[in-house]
Protein backbone atom coordinates (compact mmCIF):
# COMPACT_ATOMS: atom_id res chain seq x y z
CA UNK A 1 -33.75 8.26 -58.32
CA UNK A 2 -35.37 5.17 -59.82
CA UNK A 3 -35.70 4.72 -63.57
CA UNK A 4 -39.40 5.54 -63.24
CA UNK A 5 -38.55 8.85 -61.50
CA UNK A 6 -36.07 9.72 -64.25
CA UNK A 7 -38.57 9.01 -67.03
CA UNK A 8 -41.19 11.08 -65.20
CA UNK A 9 -38.79 14.03 -65.00
CA UNK A 10 -37.73 13.72 -68.63
CA UNK A 11 -41.39 13.68 -69.65
CA UNK A 12 -41.71 17.16 -68.16
CA UNK A 13 -39.35 18.69 -70.73
CA UNK A 14 -41.48 18.12 -73.89
CA UNK A 15 -44.55 19.41 -72.03
CA UNK A 16 -42.64 22.52 -70.92
CA UNK A 17 -41.55 23.14 -74.49
CA UNK A 18 -45.08 22.64 -75.80
CA UNK A 19 -46.48 25.19 -73.35
CA UNK A 20 -43.93 27.80 -74.45
CA UNK A 21 -44.63 27.09 -78.13
CA UNK A 22 -48.26 27.97 -77.57
CA UNK A 23 -47.05 31.58 -77.52
CA UNK A 24 -43.65 31.57 -79.24
CA UNK A 25 -43.80 30.81 -82.97
CA UNK A 26 -40.68 29.18 -84.43
CA UNK A 27 -37.32 29.98 -82.77
CA UNK A 28 -36.81 26.26 -82.15
CA UNK A 29 -33.03 26.56 -81.79
CA UNK A 30 -33.29 29.54 -79.43
CA UNK A 31 -35.84 27.79 -77.25
CA UNK A 32 -33.64 24.69 -77.04
CA UNK A 33 -30.63 26.79 -76.02
CA UNK A 34 -32.61 28.59 -73.31
CA UNK A 35 -33.82 25.26 -71.89
CA UNK A 36 -30.28 23.86 -72.08
CA UNK A 37 -29.03 26.84 -70.05
CA UNK A 38 -31.75 26.24 -67.49
CA UNK A 39 -30.88 22.53 -67.22
CA UNK A 40 -27.15 23.20 -66.99
CA UNK A 41 -27.65 25.64 -64.12
CA UNK A 42 -26.23 28.72 -65.86
CA UNK A 43 -27.40 32.07 -67.19
CA UNK A 44 -27.85 33.26 -70.77
CA UNK A 45 -27.55 36.45 -72.78
CA UNK A 46 -30.15 36.89 -75.53
CA UNK A 47 -29.31 39.24 -78.38
CA UNK A 48 -31.70 40.29 -81.10
CA UNK A 49 -33.19 43.32 -82.80
CA UNK A 50 -36.42 44.78 -81.36
CA UNK A 51 -39.61 42.83 -81.94
CA UNK A 52 -38.20 39.28 -81.96
CA UNK A 53 -40.06 38.31 -78.73
CA UNK A 54 -37.03 38.17 -76.42
CA UNK A 55 -38.98 39.49 -73.43
CA UNK A 56 -42.07 37.46 -74.37
CA UNK A 57 -39.99 34.27 -74.51
CA UNK A 58 -38.66 34.77 -70.99
CA UNK A 59 -42.05 35.74 -69.59
CA UNK A 60 -43.68 32.69 -71.21
CA UNK A 61 -40.96 30.44 -69.81
CA UNK A 62 -41.67 31.81 -66.34
CA UNK A 63 -45.43 31.27 -66.79
CA UNK A 64 -44.82 27.66 -67.84
CA UNK A 65 -42.92 26.97 -64.61
CA UNK A 66 -44.08 27.10 -61.03
CA UNK A 67 -41.41 29.65 -60.13
CA UNK A 68 -41.16 33.29 -59.12
CA UNK A 69 -40.44 35.79 -61.89
CA UNK A 70 -39.22 39.39 -61.85
CA UNK A 71 -38.37 41.73 -64.72
CA UNK A 72 -35.78 44.50 -64.34
CA UNK A 73 -35.74 47.20 -67.00
CA UNK A 74 -32.17 48.46 -67.17
CA UNK A 75 -31.85 52.22 -67.68
CA UNK A 76 -28.93 54.70 -67.40
CA UNK A 77 -30.13 55.90 -63.98
CA UNK A 78 -30.58 52.43 -62.45
CA UNK A 79 -28.54 51.92 -59.26
CA UNK A 80 -27.20 48.65 -57.75
CA UNK A 81 -29.61 48.97 -54.80
CA UNK A 82 -32.52 49.03 -57.28
CA UNK A 83 -31.51 45.45 -58.17
CA UNK A 84 -30.11 43.99 -54.96
CA UNK A 85 -32.25 45.75 -52.36
CA UNK A 86 -31.52 48.18 -49.56
CA UNK A 87 -31.80 48.65 -45.80
CA UNK A 88 -34.59 50.80 -44.40
CA UNK A 89 -35.00 52.14 -40.87
CA UNK A 90 -38.03 50.69 -39.12
CA UNK A 91 -39.47 51.05 -35.63
CA UNK A 92 -40.77 48.29 -33.36
CA UNK A 93 -44.14 49.66 -32.22
CA UNK A 94 -44.13 47.47 -29.11
CA UNK A 95 -40.75 48.59 -27.73
CA UNK A 96 -40.13 51.83 -29.62
CA UNK A 97 -36.71 50.59 -30.72
CA UNK A 98 -35.46 51.37 -34.20
CA UNK A 99 -33.63 48.89 -36.39
CA UNK A 100 -32.47 48.42 -39.95
CA UNK A 101 -34.30 45.90 -42.09
CA UNK A 102 -33.07 44.62 -45.44
CA UNK A 103 -35.71 44.92 -48.17
CA UNK A 104 -34.97 42.42 -50.93
CA UNK A 105 -34.68 43.73 -54.48
CA UNK A 106 -36.04 42.11 -57.65
CA UNK A 107 -32.93 39.90 -57.94
CA UNK A 108 -34.49 37.73 -55.21
CA UNK A 109 -36.56 35.60 -57.55
CA UNK A 110 -36.19 32.27 -59.33
CA UNK A 111 -36.27 33.65 -62.87
CA UNK A 112 -34.96 37.18 -63.43
CA UNK A 113 -35.17 39.02 -66.74
CA UNK A 114 -32.48 41.71 -67.06
CA UNK A 115 -34.01 43.61 -69.97
CA UNK A 116 -31.59 45.66 -72.12
CA UNK A 117 -28.67 45.04 -69.80
CA UNK A 118 -26.35 47.17 -71.94
CA UNK A 119 -28.47 50.26 -71.18
CA UNK A 120 -27.07 50.66 -67.67
CA UNK A 121 -23.59 51.79 -66.49
CA UNK A 122 -20.86 49.28 -65.49
CA UNK A 123 -21.41 49.92 -61.76
CA UNK A 124 -24.93 48.54 -61.97
CA UNK A 125 -23.98 45.76 -64.39
CA UNK A 126 -21.32 44.61 -61.92
CA UNK A 127 -23.96 44.30 -59.18
CA UNK A 128 -25.12 41.14 -60.94
CA UNK A 129 -21.72 39.42 -60.84
CA UNK A 130 -21.91 38.01 -57.31
CA UNK A 131 -25.52 36.96 -57.78
CA UNK A 132 -24.73 35.15 -61.04
CA UNK A 133 -21.65 33.34 -59.79
CA UNK A 134 -22.25 32.79 -56.07
CA UNK A 135 -26.09 32.74 -55.97
CA UNK A 136 -26.01 35.19 -53.08
CA UNK A 137 -26.02 38.93 -52.38
CA UNK A 138 -23.86 40.76 -49.85
CA UNK A 139 -25.12 44.03 -48.40
CA UNK A 140 -23.73 45.95 -45.40
CA UNK A 141 -21.50 43.01 -44.51
CA UNK A 142 -24.32 40.46 -44.49
CA UNK A 143 -24.85 37.71 -47.03
CA UNK A 144 -28.32 36.81 -48.28
CA UNK A 145 -29.00 33.57 -50.19
CA UNK A 146 -30.91 33.78 -53.45
CA UNK A 147 -33.82 31.39 -54.01
CA UNK A 148 -33.06 28.14 -55.83
CA UNK A 149 -33.22 27.52 -58.68
CA UNK A 150 -31.91 30.93 -59.79
CA UNK A 151 -31.88 31.66 -63.51
CA UNK A 152 -30.89 35.03 -65.01
CA UNK A 153 -31.72 35.87 -68.62
CA UNK A 154 -30.34 39.15 -69.97
CA UNK A 155 -31.31 40.77 -73.27
CA UNK A 156 -29.54 43.32 -75.39
CA UNK A 157 -30.12 45.09 -78.69
CA UNK A 158 -27.23 44.74 -81.18
CA UNK A 159 -28.12 47.69 -83.44
CA UNK A 160 -28.62 50.61 -81.06
CA UNK A 161 -25.23 51.82 -79.78
CA UNK A 162 -26.09 55.35 -78.64
CA UNK A 163 -26.34 55.50 -74.86
CA UNK A 164 -25.28 51.88 -74.34
CA UNK A 165 -22.57 50.37 -72.16
CA UNK A 166 -21.16 47.18 -73.73
CA UNK A 167 -20.66 44.37 -71.23
CA UNK A 168 -16.99 43.82 -70.32
CA UNK A 169 -15.42 40.48 -71.20
CA UNK A 170 -15.24 39.40 -67.53
CA UNK A 171 -18.99 39.73 -67.18
CA UNK A 172 -19.74 38.20 -70.56
CA UNK A 173 -17.82 35.13 -69.40
CA UNK A 174 -20.32 34.68 -66.56
CA UNK A 175 -23.03 33.88 -69.09
CA UNK A 176 -23.11 30.20 -69.93
CA UNK A 177 -24.52 30.83 -73.42
CA UNK A 178 -24.67 33.82 -75.73
CA UNK A 179 -27.82 33.25 -77.80
CA UNK A 180 -28.49 35.19 -80.99
CA UNK A 181 -32.09 35.47 -82.14
CA UNK A 182 -32.61 35.67 -85.89
CA UNK A 183 -35.57 36.90 -87.91
CA UNK A 184 -38.40 34.36 -88.36
CA UNK A 185 -38.96 32.56 -91.63
CA UNK A 186 -41.67 33.80 -93.98
CA UNK A 187 -44.17 31.15 -92.81
CA UNK A 188 -43.35 31.76 -89.15
CA UNK A 189 -43.85 35.49 -89.57
CA UNK A 190 -47.19 34.86 -91.27
CA UNK A 191 -48.24 32.70 -88.30
CA UNK A 192 -47.17 35.45 -85.89
CA UNK A 193 -49.30 38.00 -87.73
CA UNK A 194 -52.28 35.63 -87.71
CA UNK A 195 -51.95 34.69 -84.04
CA UNK A 196 -51.36 38.13 -82.57
CA UNK A 197 -53.80 40.39 -84.43
CA UNK A 198 -57.05 38.55 -83.77
CA UNK A 199 -59.08 37.44 -80.77
CA UNK A 200 -57.06 34.29 -80.08
CA UNK A 201 -56.06 33.97 -76.43
CA UNK A 202 -53.60 31.40 -75.13
CA UNK A 203 -53.43 30.10 -71.57
CA UNK A 204 -50.00 28.80 -70.60
CA UNK A 205 -50.14 26.08 -67.97
CA UNK A 206 -47.44 25.55 -65.34
CA UNK A 207 -45.81 22.21 -66.13
CA UNK A 208 -42.71 21.93 -63.92
CA UNK A 209 -41.74 22.91 -60.37
CA UNK A 210 -38.56 24.38 -58.93
CA UNK A 211 -37.73 21.13 -57.14
CA UNK A 212 -38.04 19.21 -60.42
CA UNK A 213 -35.70 21.71 -62.13
CA UNK A 214 -33.09 21.09 -59.41
CA UNK A 215 -33.47 17.34 -59.85
CA UNK A 216 -33.01 17.68 -63.62
CA UNK A 217 -29.87 19.75 -63.05
CA UNK A 218 -28.44 16.97 -60.95
CA UNK A 219 -29.42 14.47 -63.63
CA UNK A 220 -27.56 16.51 -66.27
CA UNK A 221 -24.29 16.02 -64.39
CA UNK A 222 -24.84 12.26 -64.41
CA UNK A 223 -25.00 12.10 -68.22
CA UNK A 224 -21.92 10.23 -69.42
CA UNK A 225 -19.22 11.59 -71.70
CA UNK A 226 -16.32 9.55 -73.04
CA UNK A 227 -12.68 10.35 -72.36
CA UNK A 228 -12.16 10.91 -76.09
CA UNK A 229 -14.89 13.57 -76.20
CA UNK A 230 -13.45 15.24 -73.09
CA UNK A 231 -10.14 15.52 -74.92
CA UNK A 232 -11.99 16.80 -78.00
CA UNK A 233 -13.53 19.61 -75.95
CA UNK A 234 -10.14 20.43 -74.46
CA UNK A 235 -8.59 20.60 -77.94
CA UNK A 236 -11.34 22.93 -79.19
CA UNK A 237 -10.99 25.36 -76.28
CA UNK A 238 -7.18 25.40 -76.36
CA UNK A 239 -7.25 25.92 -80.13
CA UNK A 240 -9.06 29.26 -79.64
CA UNK A 241 -5.93 30.73 -78.01
CA UNK A 242 -3.47 32.30 -80.46
CA UNK A 243 -0.44 31.25 -78.38
CA UNK A 244 -1.34 27.53 -78.16
CA UNK A 245 -3.34 26.93 -81.35
CA UNK A 246 -2.22 25.01 -84.41
CA UNK A 247 -4.85 26.74 -86.57
CA UNK A 248 -3.45 29.55 -88.73
CA UNK A 249 -6.94 31.04 -88.96
CA UNK A 250 -6.95 31.70 -85.21
CA UNK A 251 -3.43 33.14 -85.23
CA UNK A 252 -4.46 35.54 -87.99
CA UNK A 253 -7.82 36.71 -86.71
CA UNK A 254 -7.96 36.21 -82.91
CA UNK A 255 -6.37 38.34 -80.20
CA UNK A 256 -7.66 36.34 -77.25
CA UNK A 257 -9.07 32.88 -76.72
CA UNK A 258 -11.45 31.17 -74.31
CA UNK A 259 -10.51 30.25 -70.75
CA UNK A 260 -11.13 27.00 -68.82
CA UNK A 261 -14.68 28.11 -67.99
CA UNK A 262 -15.51 27.64 -71.68
CA UNK A 263 -14.59 23.96 -71.50
CA UNK A 264 -16.75 23.48 -68.43
CA UNK A 265 -19.64 25.26 -70.16
CA UNK A 266 -19.24 23.21 -73.33
CA UNK A 267 -19.34 19.90 -71.47
CA UNK A 268 -22.29 20.86 -69.25
CA UNK A 269 -24.38 22.22 -72.11
CA UNK A 270 -23.57 19.18 -74.27
CA UNK A 271 -24.81 16.98 -71.42
CA UNK A 272 -27.95 19.12 -71.07
CA UNK A 273 -28.60 18.89 -74.83
CA UNK A 274 -28.25 15.12 -74.70
CA UNK A 275 -30.76 14.95 -71.84
CA UNK A 276 -33.14 17.30 -73.67
CA UNK A 277 -33.10 14.81 -76.54
CA UNK A 278 -33.71 11.92 -74.12
CA UNK A 279 -30.17 10.55 -74.30
CA UNK A 280 -27.83 9.68 -71.44
CA UNK A 281 -24.54 9.96 -73.33
CA UNK A 282 -22.95 12.97 -75.03
CA UNK A 283 -22.29 12.76 -78.77
CA UNK A 284 -19.91 14.74 -80.97
CA UNK A 285 -22.94 16.52 -82.47
CA UNK A 286 -23.89 17.82 -79.01
CA UNK A 287 -20.45 19.37 -78.59
CA UNK A 288 -20.30 20.82 -82.10
CA UNK A 289 -23.78 22.34 -81.81
CA UNK A 290 -23.12 23.96 -78.44
CA UNK A 291 -19.66 25.24 -79.43
CA UNK A 292 -21.18 28.31 -81.11
CA UNK A 293 -23.25 29.79 -78.22
CA UNK A 294 -20.55 28.78 -75.72
CA UNK A 295 -17.59 30.34 -77.54
CA UNK A 296 -18.98 33.31 -79.47
CA UNK A 297 -18.62 35.64 -76.45
CA UNK A 298 -15.38 34.11 -75.21
CA UNK A 299 -13.33 34.43 -78.41
CA UNK A 300 -12.13 37.98 -79.14
CA UNK A 301 -11.27 38.75 -82.75
CA UNK A 302 -8.70 41.39 -83.72
CA UNK A 303 -8.94 44.47 -85.92
CA UNK A 304 -8.00 42.48 -89.02
CA UNK A 305 -11.00 40.19 -88.46
CA UNK A 306 -13.32 43.14 -87.89
CA UNK A 307 -12.10 44.79 -91.10
CA UNK A 308 -12.77 41.59 -93.03
CA UNK A 309 -16.04 40.95 -91.18
CA UNK A 310 -14.80 37.72 -89.61
CA UNK A 311 -17.07 36.92 -86.65
CA UNK A 312 -16.39 34.63 -83.66
CA UNK A 313 -18.94 32.20 -85.14
CA UNK A 314 -16.79 31.98 -88.27
CA UNK A 315 -13.75 31.26 -86.07
CA UNK A 316 -15.65 28.43 -84.34
CA UNK A 317 -16.74 27.04 -87.71
CA UNK A 318 -13.13 26.98 -88.94
CA UNK A 319 -11.97 25.35 -85.70
CA UNK A 320 -14.52 22.55 -85.92
CA UNK A 321 -13.26 21.81 -89.42
CA UNK A 322 -9.62 22.03 -88.33
CA UNK A 323 -9.80 19.78 -85.26
CA UNK A 324 -10.31 16.16 -86.16
CA UNK A 325 -12.87 14.07 -84.35
CA UNK A 326 -11.38 11.29 -82.24
CA UNK A 327 -11.99 7.79 -83.52
CA UNK A 328 -14.69 5.52 -82.08
CA UNK A 329 -16.90 8.26 -80.64
CA UNK A 330 -20.67 8.70 -80.76
CA UNK A 331 -21.64 10.97 -83.62
C-alpha cells in the first residue's frame, strides 16, 4: 500500500468511532478495546451487569460497518447445531433424487454476538472453539470456511450465577481480550437518560467495509516494536507464572499464570492500539494499558487471593510496578 492508501485507511477509524458514539454514550475505554480486538483479528468477551449497553454496543458496531451481523441468544437448551448449522434432506425435483444439504447456522456471519454465553452448557460453548481459532466449521466430515473478516463478541453477566455455566479456562484463553464494562459517570448517565427517553432518533452510517478491515489487520502486523519492548512483554508474561516469577506477590496469590498466547495477544493488541492512535511504533504505554484486558482471564488466583479479594487486575498492577521498564524505549 502507498502512504496515501494507509492514511485513507487510518482516516476510517475515527469516523467509525464517531458513528458508534452517536448511540453509545461514554464507555471510551471499552469502545477502544473492542476496536483494538477487531483490528488485531481476535475475539472479545464483554462482562457487565444488565443495562450497560453491551448488546447495543455490538449491534451499533455492526451497523457502522458494511458487514453481516447475527445475534445468538445463548440459553440452557441451545444445541451446537443451532449455532453451526445442520444437514437437511432435500429432493431434486428434476431427477427425483434425494440429497443432504448443509444449512449454515448463525455463526456464518462477519460479526457474531454470542449473548450471555455463560447461559448455555459446555457442549454448546465448545462448539465455538473451532470457529474462533480456525475460522471454519466441520460438520459430517466436511469443512466449511467462515466469512472473512470473522469477529465474535461474547457477553456475560457477572452477578447472576444461578443457572450459569462458567467458561472453562481453555475457552477463555481463546478470547483475545476480556473487557469489563463499568457503570457510567453521573454526567454520562444523565446524557443517556436525556437521549433515550425522548423523540431523538439516530441514524448510524456504514463507514468501513470488510475488505478495509482486512487491510487494517495486515497493517497492524506491520507496526514496529523494539527488541527491548518484546523482551518487556516476555518478562511480564513469564512473571505471571508462580514457578518462574521473581515477584513474591505472584507466588503468594497466583496458582496459574498466562501461557505464550498471552504474549502474542499483548504484542498484537499493543500494535493495534498504536495504530488506533495513528502511530506506527509500539510504546511502553500501549503494552501497560493492554496488559489488563489481555491477562485478567489468563491469570488464575488462588483461594488466599479470593479470601483477601485480590483480583487478577491487582496482580497485573503489582507486576507492572515490579518489572522495570527497559532503558531507551518509547514511553
